[in-house]
């Protein structure tokens, strides 16, 4: 505080002195001496100006920049911690609930959802951060807990494309949990699927749980049996039709997924 008061006194002295010099020079009393005096005092004036700027805004900008940088680092740490917590939670939930052996499950991060537009469309495909270098192959099932997410339809060395079971190009054979009635589920787009090819004589009803029948080959490539596909929300049974139909919805909220698991089959 004392330092700032001393500086203010010095600044006022030179300000008054400069005003006197200016007034005298204005009326022609100091034409030549003033120029000499100004030249002599210019280095000191520059120092006073720099000092005045320093005391008038004591590193305000640098303080704000430092705070902003600290905030950015804090946000970065919060995001990293949140991602790590989600991954650890996903791993714990997966291995605590799934009926599939953990040694053939490969955790993978979802890094993109092509063609997904928030508020307009639902994701139909995921890109994951695992590829053929991680033993991922086309046809591998992709799951979360005991729920089917989809299957790998493209794979390169480091990344793979997962087609979700709700995609119109996706179809699989299924059965109901309650009566073991067989049928075929086809993706409908958005969040729903169509159940078809169910015999008229079979007993199916709303709220039935739909499971995969399984189509794995001898190497384990394909969809394992008894994965949860979803729940039957409507049944269309007409005597004139050869088969019963229905609508199925997945128990998964695909938008909330950040980690999925590839069934490698080994």
Protein backbone atom coordinates (compact mmCIF):
# COMPACT_ATOMS: atom_id res chain seq x y z
CA UNK A 1 0.00 0.00 0.00
CA UNK A 2 2.84 2.44 0.95
CA UNK A 3 4.61 1.59 -2.30
CA UNK A 4 1.55 2.49 -4.34
CA UNK A 5 1.06 5.80 -2.42
CA UNK A 6 4.70 6.79 -3.06
CA UNK A 7 4.27 6.04 -6.74
CA UNK A 8 1.08 8.17 -6.88
CA UNK A 9 2.90 11.15 -5.32
CA UNK A 10 5.75 10.84 -7.81
CA UNK A 11 3.33 10.50 -10.70
CA UNK A 12 1.37 13.63 -9.64
CA UNK A 13 4.62 15.61 -9.28
CA UNK A 14 5.74 14.79 -12.80
CA UNK A 15 2.25 15.34 -14.20
CA UNK A 16 2.16 18.89 -12.72
CA UNK A 17 5.72 19.49 -13.86
CA UNK A 18 4.85 18.39 -17.40
CA UNK A 19 1.79 20.68 -17.39
CA UNK A 20 3.98 23.66 -16.41
CA UNK A 21 6.48 22.84 -19.16
CA UNK A 22 3.67 22.49 -21.70
CA UNK A 23 2.14 25.86 -20.68
CA UNK A 24 5.45 27.67 -20.89
CA UNK A 25 6.29 26.14 -24.23
CA UNK A 26 2.83 27.04 -25.54
CA UNK A 27 3.59 30.72 -25.01
CA UNK A 28 7.10 30.40 -26.43
CA UNK A 29 9.05 30.74 -23.22
CA UNK A 30 10.74 27.33 -23.45
CA UNK A 31 11.10 26.60 -27.13
CA UNK A 32 14.71 25.46 -27.12
CA UNK A 33 15.22 24.46 -23.45
CA UNK A 34 11.97 22.45 -23.55
CA UNK A 35 13.17 20.21 -26.37
CA UNK A 36 16.37 19.49 -24.50
CA UNK A 37 14.47 18.83 -21.30
CA UNK A 38 11.96 16.57 -23.04
CA UNK A 39 14.76 14.53 -24.62
CA UNK A 40 16.54 14.24 -21.31
CA UNK A 41 13.41 13.18 -19.46
CA UNK A 42 11.99 10.83 -22.15
CA UNK A 43 13.65 7.64 -20.80
CA UNK A 44 12.38 8.44 -17.32
CA UNK A 45 8.89 9.18 -18.67
CA UNK A 46 8.85 5.81 -20.41
CA UNK A 47 9.78 4.08 -17.18
CA UNK A 48 7.09 6.00 -15.30
CA UNK A 49 4.48 4.99 -17.92
CA UNK A 50 5.47 1.33 -17.70
CA UNK A 51 5.42 1.48 -13.92
CA UNK A 52 2.03 3.18 -13.95
CA UNK A 53 0.59 0.45 -16.17
CA UNK A 54 2.03 -2.16 -13.87
CA UNK A 55 0.49 -0.66 -10.73
CA UNK A 56 -2.80 0.39 -12.33
CA UNK A 57 -3.53 -3.19 -13.53
CA UNK A 58 -1.34 -5.49 -11.46
CA UNK A 59 -1.10 -8.52 -13.80
CA UNK A 60 -4.88 -8.70 -14.12
CA UNK A 61 -4.76 -10.33 -17.56
CA UNK A 62 -2.16 -12.88 -16.49
CA UNK A 63 -4.22 -13.74 -13.41
CA UNK A 64 -7.36 -14.28 -15.51
CA UNK A 65 -5.39 -16.37 -18.02
CA UNK A 66 -4.00 -18.47 -15.19
CA UNK A 67 -7.49 -19.03 -13.76
CA UNK A 68 -8.82 -19.99 -17.20
CA UNK A 69 -5.96 -22.44 -17.70
CA UNK A 70 -6.58 -23.97 -14.27
CA UNK A 71 -10.29 -24.30 -15.11
CA UNK A 72 -9.45 -26.04 -18.40
CA UNK A 73 -7.19 -28.48 -16.58
CA UNK A 74 -9.87 -29.11 -13.96
CA UNK A 75 -12.50 -29.79 -16.62
CA UNK A 76 -10.07 -32.13 -18.38
CA UNK A 77 -9.49 -34.06 -15.14
CA UNK A 78 -13.24 -34.24 -14.43
CA UNK A 79 -13.93 -35.60 -17.93
CA UNK A 80 -11.09 -38.14 -17.68
CA UNK A 81 -12.28 -39.28 -14.26
CA UNK A 82 -15.89 -39.56 -15.48
CA UNK A 83 -14.84 -41.62 -18.53
CA UNK A 84 -12.69 -43.88 -16.33
CA UNK A 85 -15.54 -44.38 -13.85
CA UNK A 86 -17.93 -45.30 -16.67
CA UNK A 87 -15.44 -47.77 -18.12
CA UNK A 88 -14.80 -49.38 -14.73
CA UNK A 89 -18.53 -49.52 -14.04
CA UNK A 90 -19.18 -51.09 -17.44
CA UNK A 91 -16.48 -53.71 -16.85
CA UNK A 92 -17.81 -54.52 -13.38
CA UNK A 93 -21.42 -54.76 -14.56
CA UNK A 94 -20.49 -56.87 -17.57
CA UNK A 95 -18.48 -59.50 -15.79
CA UNK A 96 -20.89 -59.57 -12.84
CA UNK A 97 -24.00 -60.23 -14.93
CA UNK A 98 -23.10 -61.96 -18.18
CA UNK A 99 -23.36 -65.70 -18.69
CA UNK A 100 -20.57 -65.60 -21.29
CA UNK A 101 -17.05 -66.49 -20.22
CA UNK A 102 -15.06 -63.32 -19.53
CA UNK A 103 -11.96 -64.56 -21.38
CA UNK A 104 -13.76 -64.33 -24.73
CA UNK A 105 -15.16 -60.83 -24.06
CA UNK A 106 -13.21 -57.90 -25.47
CA UNK A 107 -14.10 -54.43 -24.07
CA UNK A 108 -14.36 -51.77 -26.77
CA UNK A 109 -15.04 -48.05 -26.67
CA UNK A 110 -17.67 -46.54 -28.94
CA UNK A 111 -15.90 -43.73 -30.78
CA UNK A 112 -18.54 -42.77 -33.37
CA UNK A 113 -22.12 -43.32 -34.50
CA UNK A 114 -22.27 -42.63 -38.26
CA UNK A 115 -25.49 -41.06 -39.63
CA UNK A 116 -26.80 -40.42 -36.11
CA UNK A 117 -28.35 -36.94 -35.77
CA UNK A 118 -29.50 -35.99 -32.23
CA UNK A 119 -33.22 -35.30 -32.08
CA UNK A 120 -33.77 -36.54 -35.63
CA UNK A 121 -32.52 -40.11 -35.90
CA UNK A 122 -31.37 -42.96 -33.68
CA UNK A 123 -27.96 -44.64 -34.05
CA UNK A 124 -27.97 -47.66 -36.34
CA UNK A 125 -24.22 -48.29 -36.38
CA UNK A 126 -21.30 -47.81 -34.01
CA UNK A 127 -17.59 -47.50 -34.70
CA UNK A 128 -15.49 -49.14 -31.98
CA UNK A 129 -11.79 -48.83 -31.19
CA UNK A 130 -10.96 -52.51 -31.72
CA UNK A 131 -10.07 -54.24 -34.99
CA UNK A 132 -8.48 -57.30 -36.50
CA UNK A 133 -5.27 -56.64 -34.55
CA UNK A 134 -7.38 -57.32 -31.43
CA UNK A 135 -8.81 -60.56 -32.92
CA UNK A 136 -12.10 -58.90 -33.93
CA UNK A 137 -13.72 -60.51 -36.98
CA UNK A 138 -16.74 -59.80 -39.12
CA UNK A 139 -19.66 -61.72 -37.63
CA UNK A 140 -18.63 -61.32 -33.98
CA UNK A 141 -21.52 -60.57 -31.64
CA UNK A 142 -21.39 -57.34 -29.68
CA UNK A 143 -23.13 -57.23 -26.31
CA UNK A 144 -23.69 -55.19 -23.17
CA UNK A 145 -24.32 -57.26 -20.06
CA UNK A 146 -26.56 -60.08 -21.42
CA UNK A 147 -28.20 -57.84 -24.01
CA UNK A 148 -27.42 -58.08 -27.71
CA UNK A 149 -26.18 -54.78 -29.17
CA UNK A 150 -25.46 -55.98 -32.70
CA UNK A 151 -22.68 -57.62 -34.64
CA UNK A 152 -19.45 -56.64 -36.37
CA UNK A 153 -20.10 -56.09 -40.09
CA UNK A 154 -16.80 -54.43 -41.07
CA UNK A 155 -13.34 -54.56 -39.54
CA UNK A 156 -9.91 -53.17 -40.32
CA UNK A 157 -6.69 -53.34 -38.36
CA UNK A 158 -7.68 -50.95 -35.57
CA UNK A 159 -11.39 -50.18 -35.88
CA UNK A 160 -14.66 -52.00 -36.53
CA UNK A 161 -18.19 -51.17 -37.56
CA UNK A 162 -20.99 -52.60 -35.44
CA UNK A 163 -24.45 -52.82 -37.01
CA UNK A 164 -27.10 -52.54 -34.31
CA UNK A 165 -29.91 -55.06 -34.13
CA UNK A 166 -32.42 -52.26 -34.80
CA UNK A 167 -30.90 -51.54 -38.24
CA UNK A 168 -33.21 -52.61 -41.12
CA UNK A 169 -30.40 -54.74 -42.57
CA UNK A 170 -30.14 -56.81 -39.37
CA UNK A 171 -32.07 -60.06 -38.86
CA UNK A 172 -31.68 -63.06 -36.57
CA UNK A 173 -33.53 -66.12 -35.37
CA UNK A 174 -35.05 -65.82 -31.90
CA UNK A 175 -37.17 -67.59 -29.31
CA UNK A 176 -39.42 -66.47 -26.50
CA UNK A 177 -38.27 -67.07 -22.94
CA UNK A 178 -41.69 -68.16 -21.69
CA UNK A 179 -42.75 -70.73 -24.30
CA UNK A 180 -39.59 -71.14 -26.46
CA UNK A 181 -41.63 -70.17 -29.54
CA UNK A 182 -39.38 -69.51 -32.54
CA UNK A 183 -39.39 -66.61 -34.93
CA UNK A 184 -37.28 -64.10 -36.81
CA UNK A 185 -36.51 -60.58 -35.64
CA UNK A 186 -35.72 -57.88 -38.19
CA UNK A 187 -34.55 -54.36 -37.51
CA UNK A 188 -37.15 -51.68 -38.16
CA UNK A 189 -35.04 -48.59 -37.68
CA UNK A 190 -35.17 -46.11 -34.83
CA UNK A 191 -35.48 -48.19 -31.63
CA UNK A 192 -37.79 -51.01 -32.70
CA UNK A 193 -37.72 -54.41 -34.35
CA UNK A 194 -40.29 -56.65 -36.02
CA UNK A 195 -40.95 -60.20 -34.84
CA UNK A 196 -42.11 -62.39 -37.74
CA UNK A 197 -42.43 -66.03 -38.78
CA UNK A 198 -44.09 -67.13 -35.54
CA UNK A 199 -46.52 -70.00 -36.08
CA UNK A 200 -50.18 -69.25 -35.47
CA UNK A 201 -50.33 -72.13 -33.03
CA UNK A 202 -47.55 -70.73 -30.87
CA UNK A 203 -48.36 -68.92 -27.65
CA UNK A 204 -46.87 -65.43 -27.59
CA UNK A 205 -48.06 -62.34 -25.80
CA UNK A 206 -47.14 -58.78 -24.93
CA UNK A 207 -44.24 -58.52 -22.43
CA UNK A 208 -42.66 -61.81 -23.56
CA UNK A 209 -38.87 -61.67 -23.39
CA UNK A 210 -37.17 -62.38 -26.72
CA UNK A 211 -33.85 -64.26 -26.77
CA UNK A 212 -31.33 -65.19 -29.45
CA UNK A 213 -31.51 -68.76 -30.74
CA UNK A 214 -27.80 -68.67 -31.51
CA UNK A 215 -25.93 -69.25 -34.77
CA UNK A 216 -22.30 -69.64 -33.74
CA UNK A 217 -20.05 -71.86 -35.81
CA UNK A 218 -17.48 -74.32 -34.49
CA UNK A 219 -15.00 -71.49 -33.89
CA UNK A 220 -17.51 -69.49 -31.92
CA UNK A 221 -18.12 -66.93 -34.66
CA UNK A 222 -21.67 -65.61 -34.68
CA UNK A 223 -24.41 -64.87 -32.16
CA UNK A 224 -24.39 -66.89 -28.91
CA UNK A 225 -27.70 -68.36 -27.69
CA UNK A 226 -29.87 -66.83 -24.94
CA UNK A 227 -28.78 -63.22 -25.33
CA UNK A 228 -31.58 -60.77 -24.59
CA UNK A 229 -32.95 -59.15 -27.74
CA UNK A 230 -35.78 -57.21 -26.13
CA UNK A 231 -39.40 -57.26 -25.05
CA UNK A 232 -42.53 -57.89 -27.13
CA UNK A 233 -44.73 -54.78 -27.00
CA UNK A 234 -47.47 -55.77 -29.48
CA UNK A 235 -48.83 -58.90 -31.18
CA UNK A 236 -50.60 -59.08 -34.53
CA UNK A 237 -52.42 -62.41 -34.83
CA UNK A 238 -54.80 -62.78 -37.77
CA UNK A 239 -56.25 -66.19 -38.71
CA UNK A 240 -55.90 -65.29 -42.38
CA UNK A 241 -52.14 -64.89 -42.05
CA UNK A 242 -49.68 -67.75 -42.07
CA UNK A 243 -47.62 -66.30 -39.22
CA UNK A 244 -48.05 -64.09 -36.19
CA UNK A 245 -46.17 -60.84 -36.04
CA UNK A 246 -45.22 -58.43 -33.28
CA UNK A 247 -43.10 -55.45 -32.35
CA UNK A 248 -40.03 -55.72 -30.13
CA UNK A 249 -38.04 -53.05 -28.30
CA UNK A 250 -34.58 -53.44 -26.83
CA UNK A 251 -33.98 -52.93 -23.13
CA UNK A 252 -30.88 -50.93 -24.02
CA UNK A 253 -30.63 -47.18 -24.39
CA UNK A 254 -28.07 -47.16 -27.20
CA UNK A 255 -27.33 -43.46 -26.75
CA UNK A 256 -26.14 -44.03 -23.19
CA UNK A 257 -23.62 -46.71 -24.15
CA UNK A 258 -19.94 -45.78 -24.15
CA UNK A 259 -18.40 -49.25 -23.81
CA UNK A 260 -19.54 -52.51 -25.39
CA UNK A 261 -18.09 -56.02 -25.46
CA UNK A 262 -17.12 -58.08 -28.49
CA UNK A 263 -17.62 -61.84 -28.18
CA UNK A 264 -14.41 -63.00 -29.85
CA UNK A 265 -15.34 -66.68 -29.78
CA UNK A 266 -11.94 -67.91 -28.58
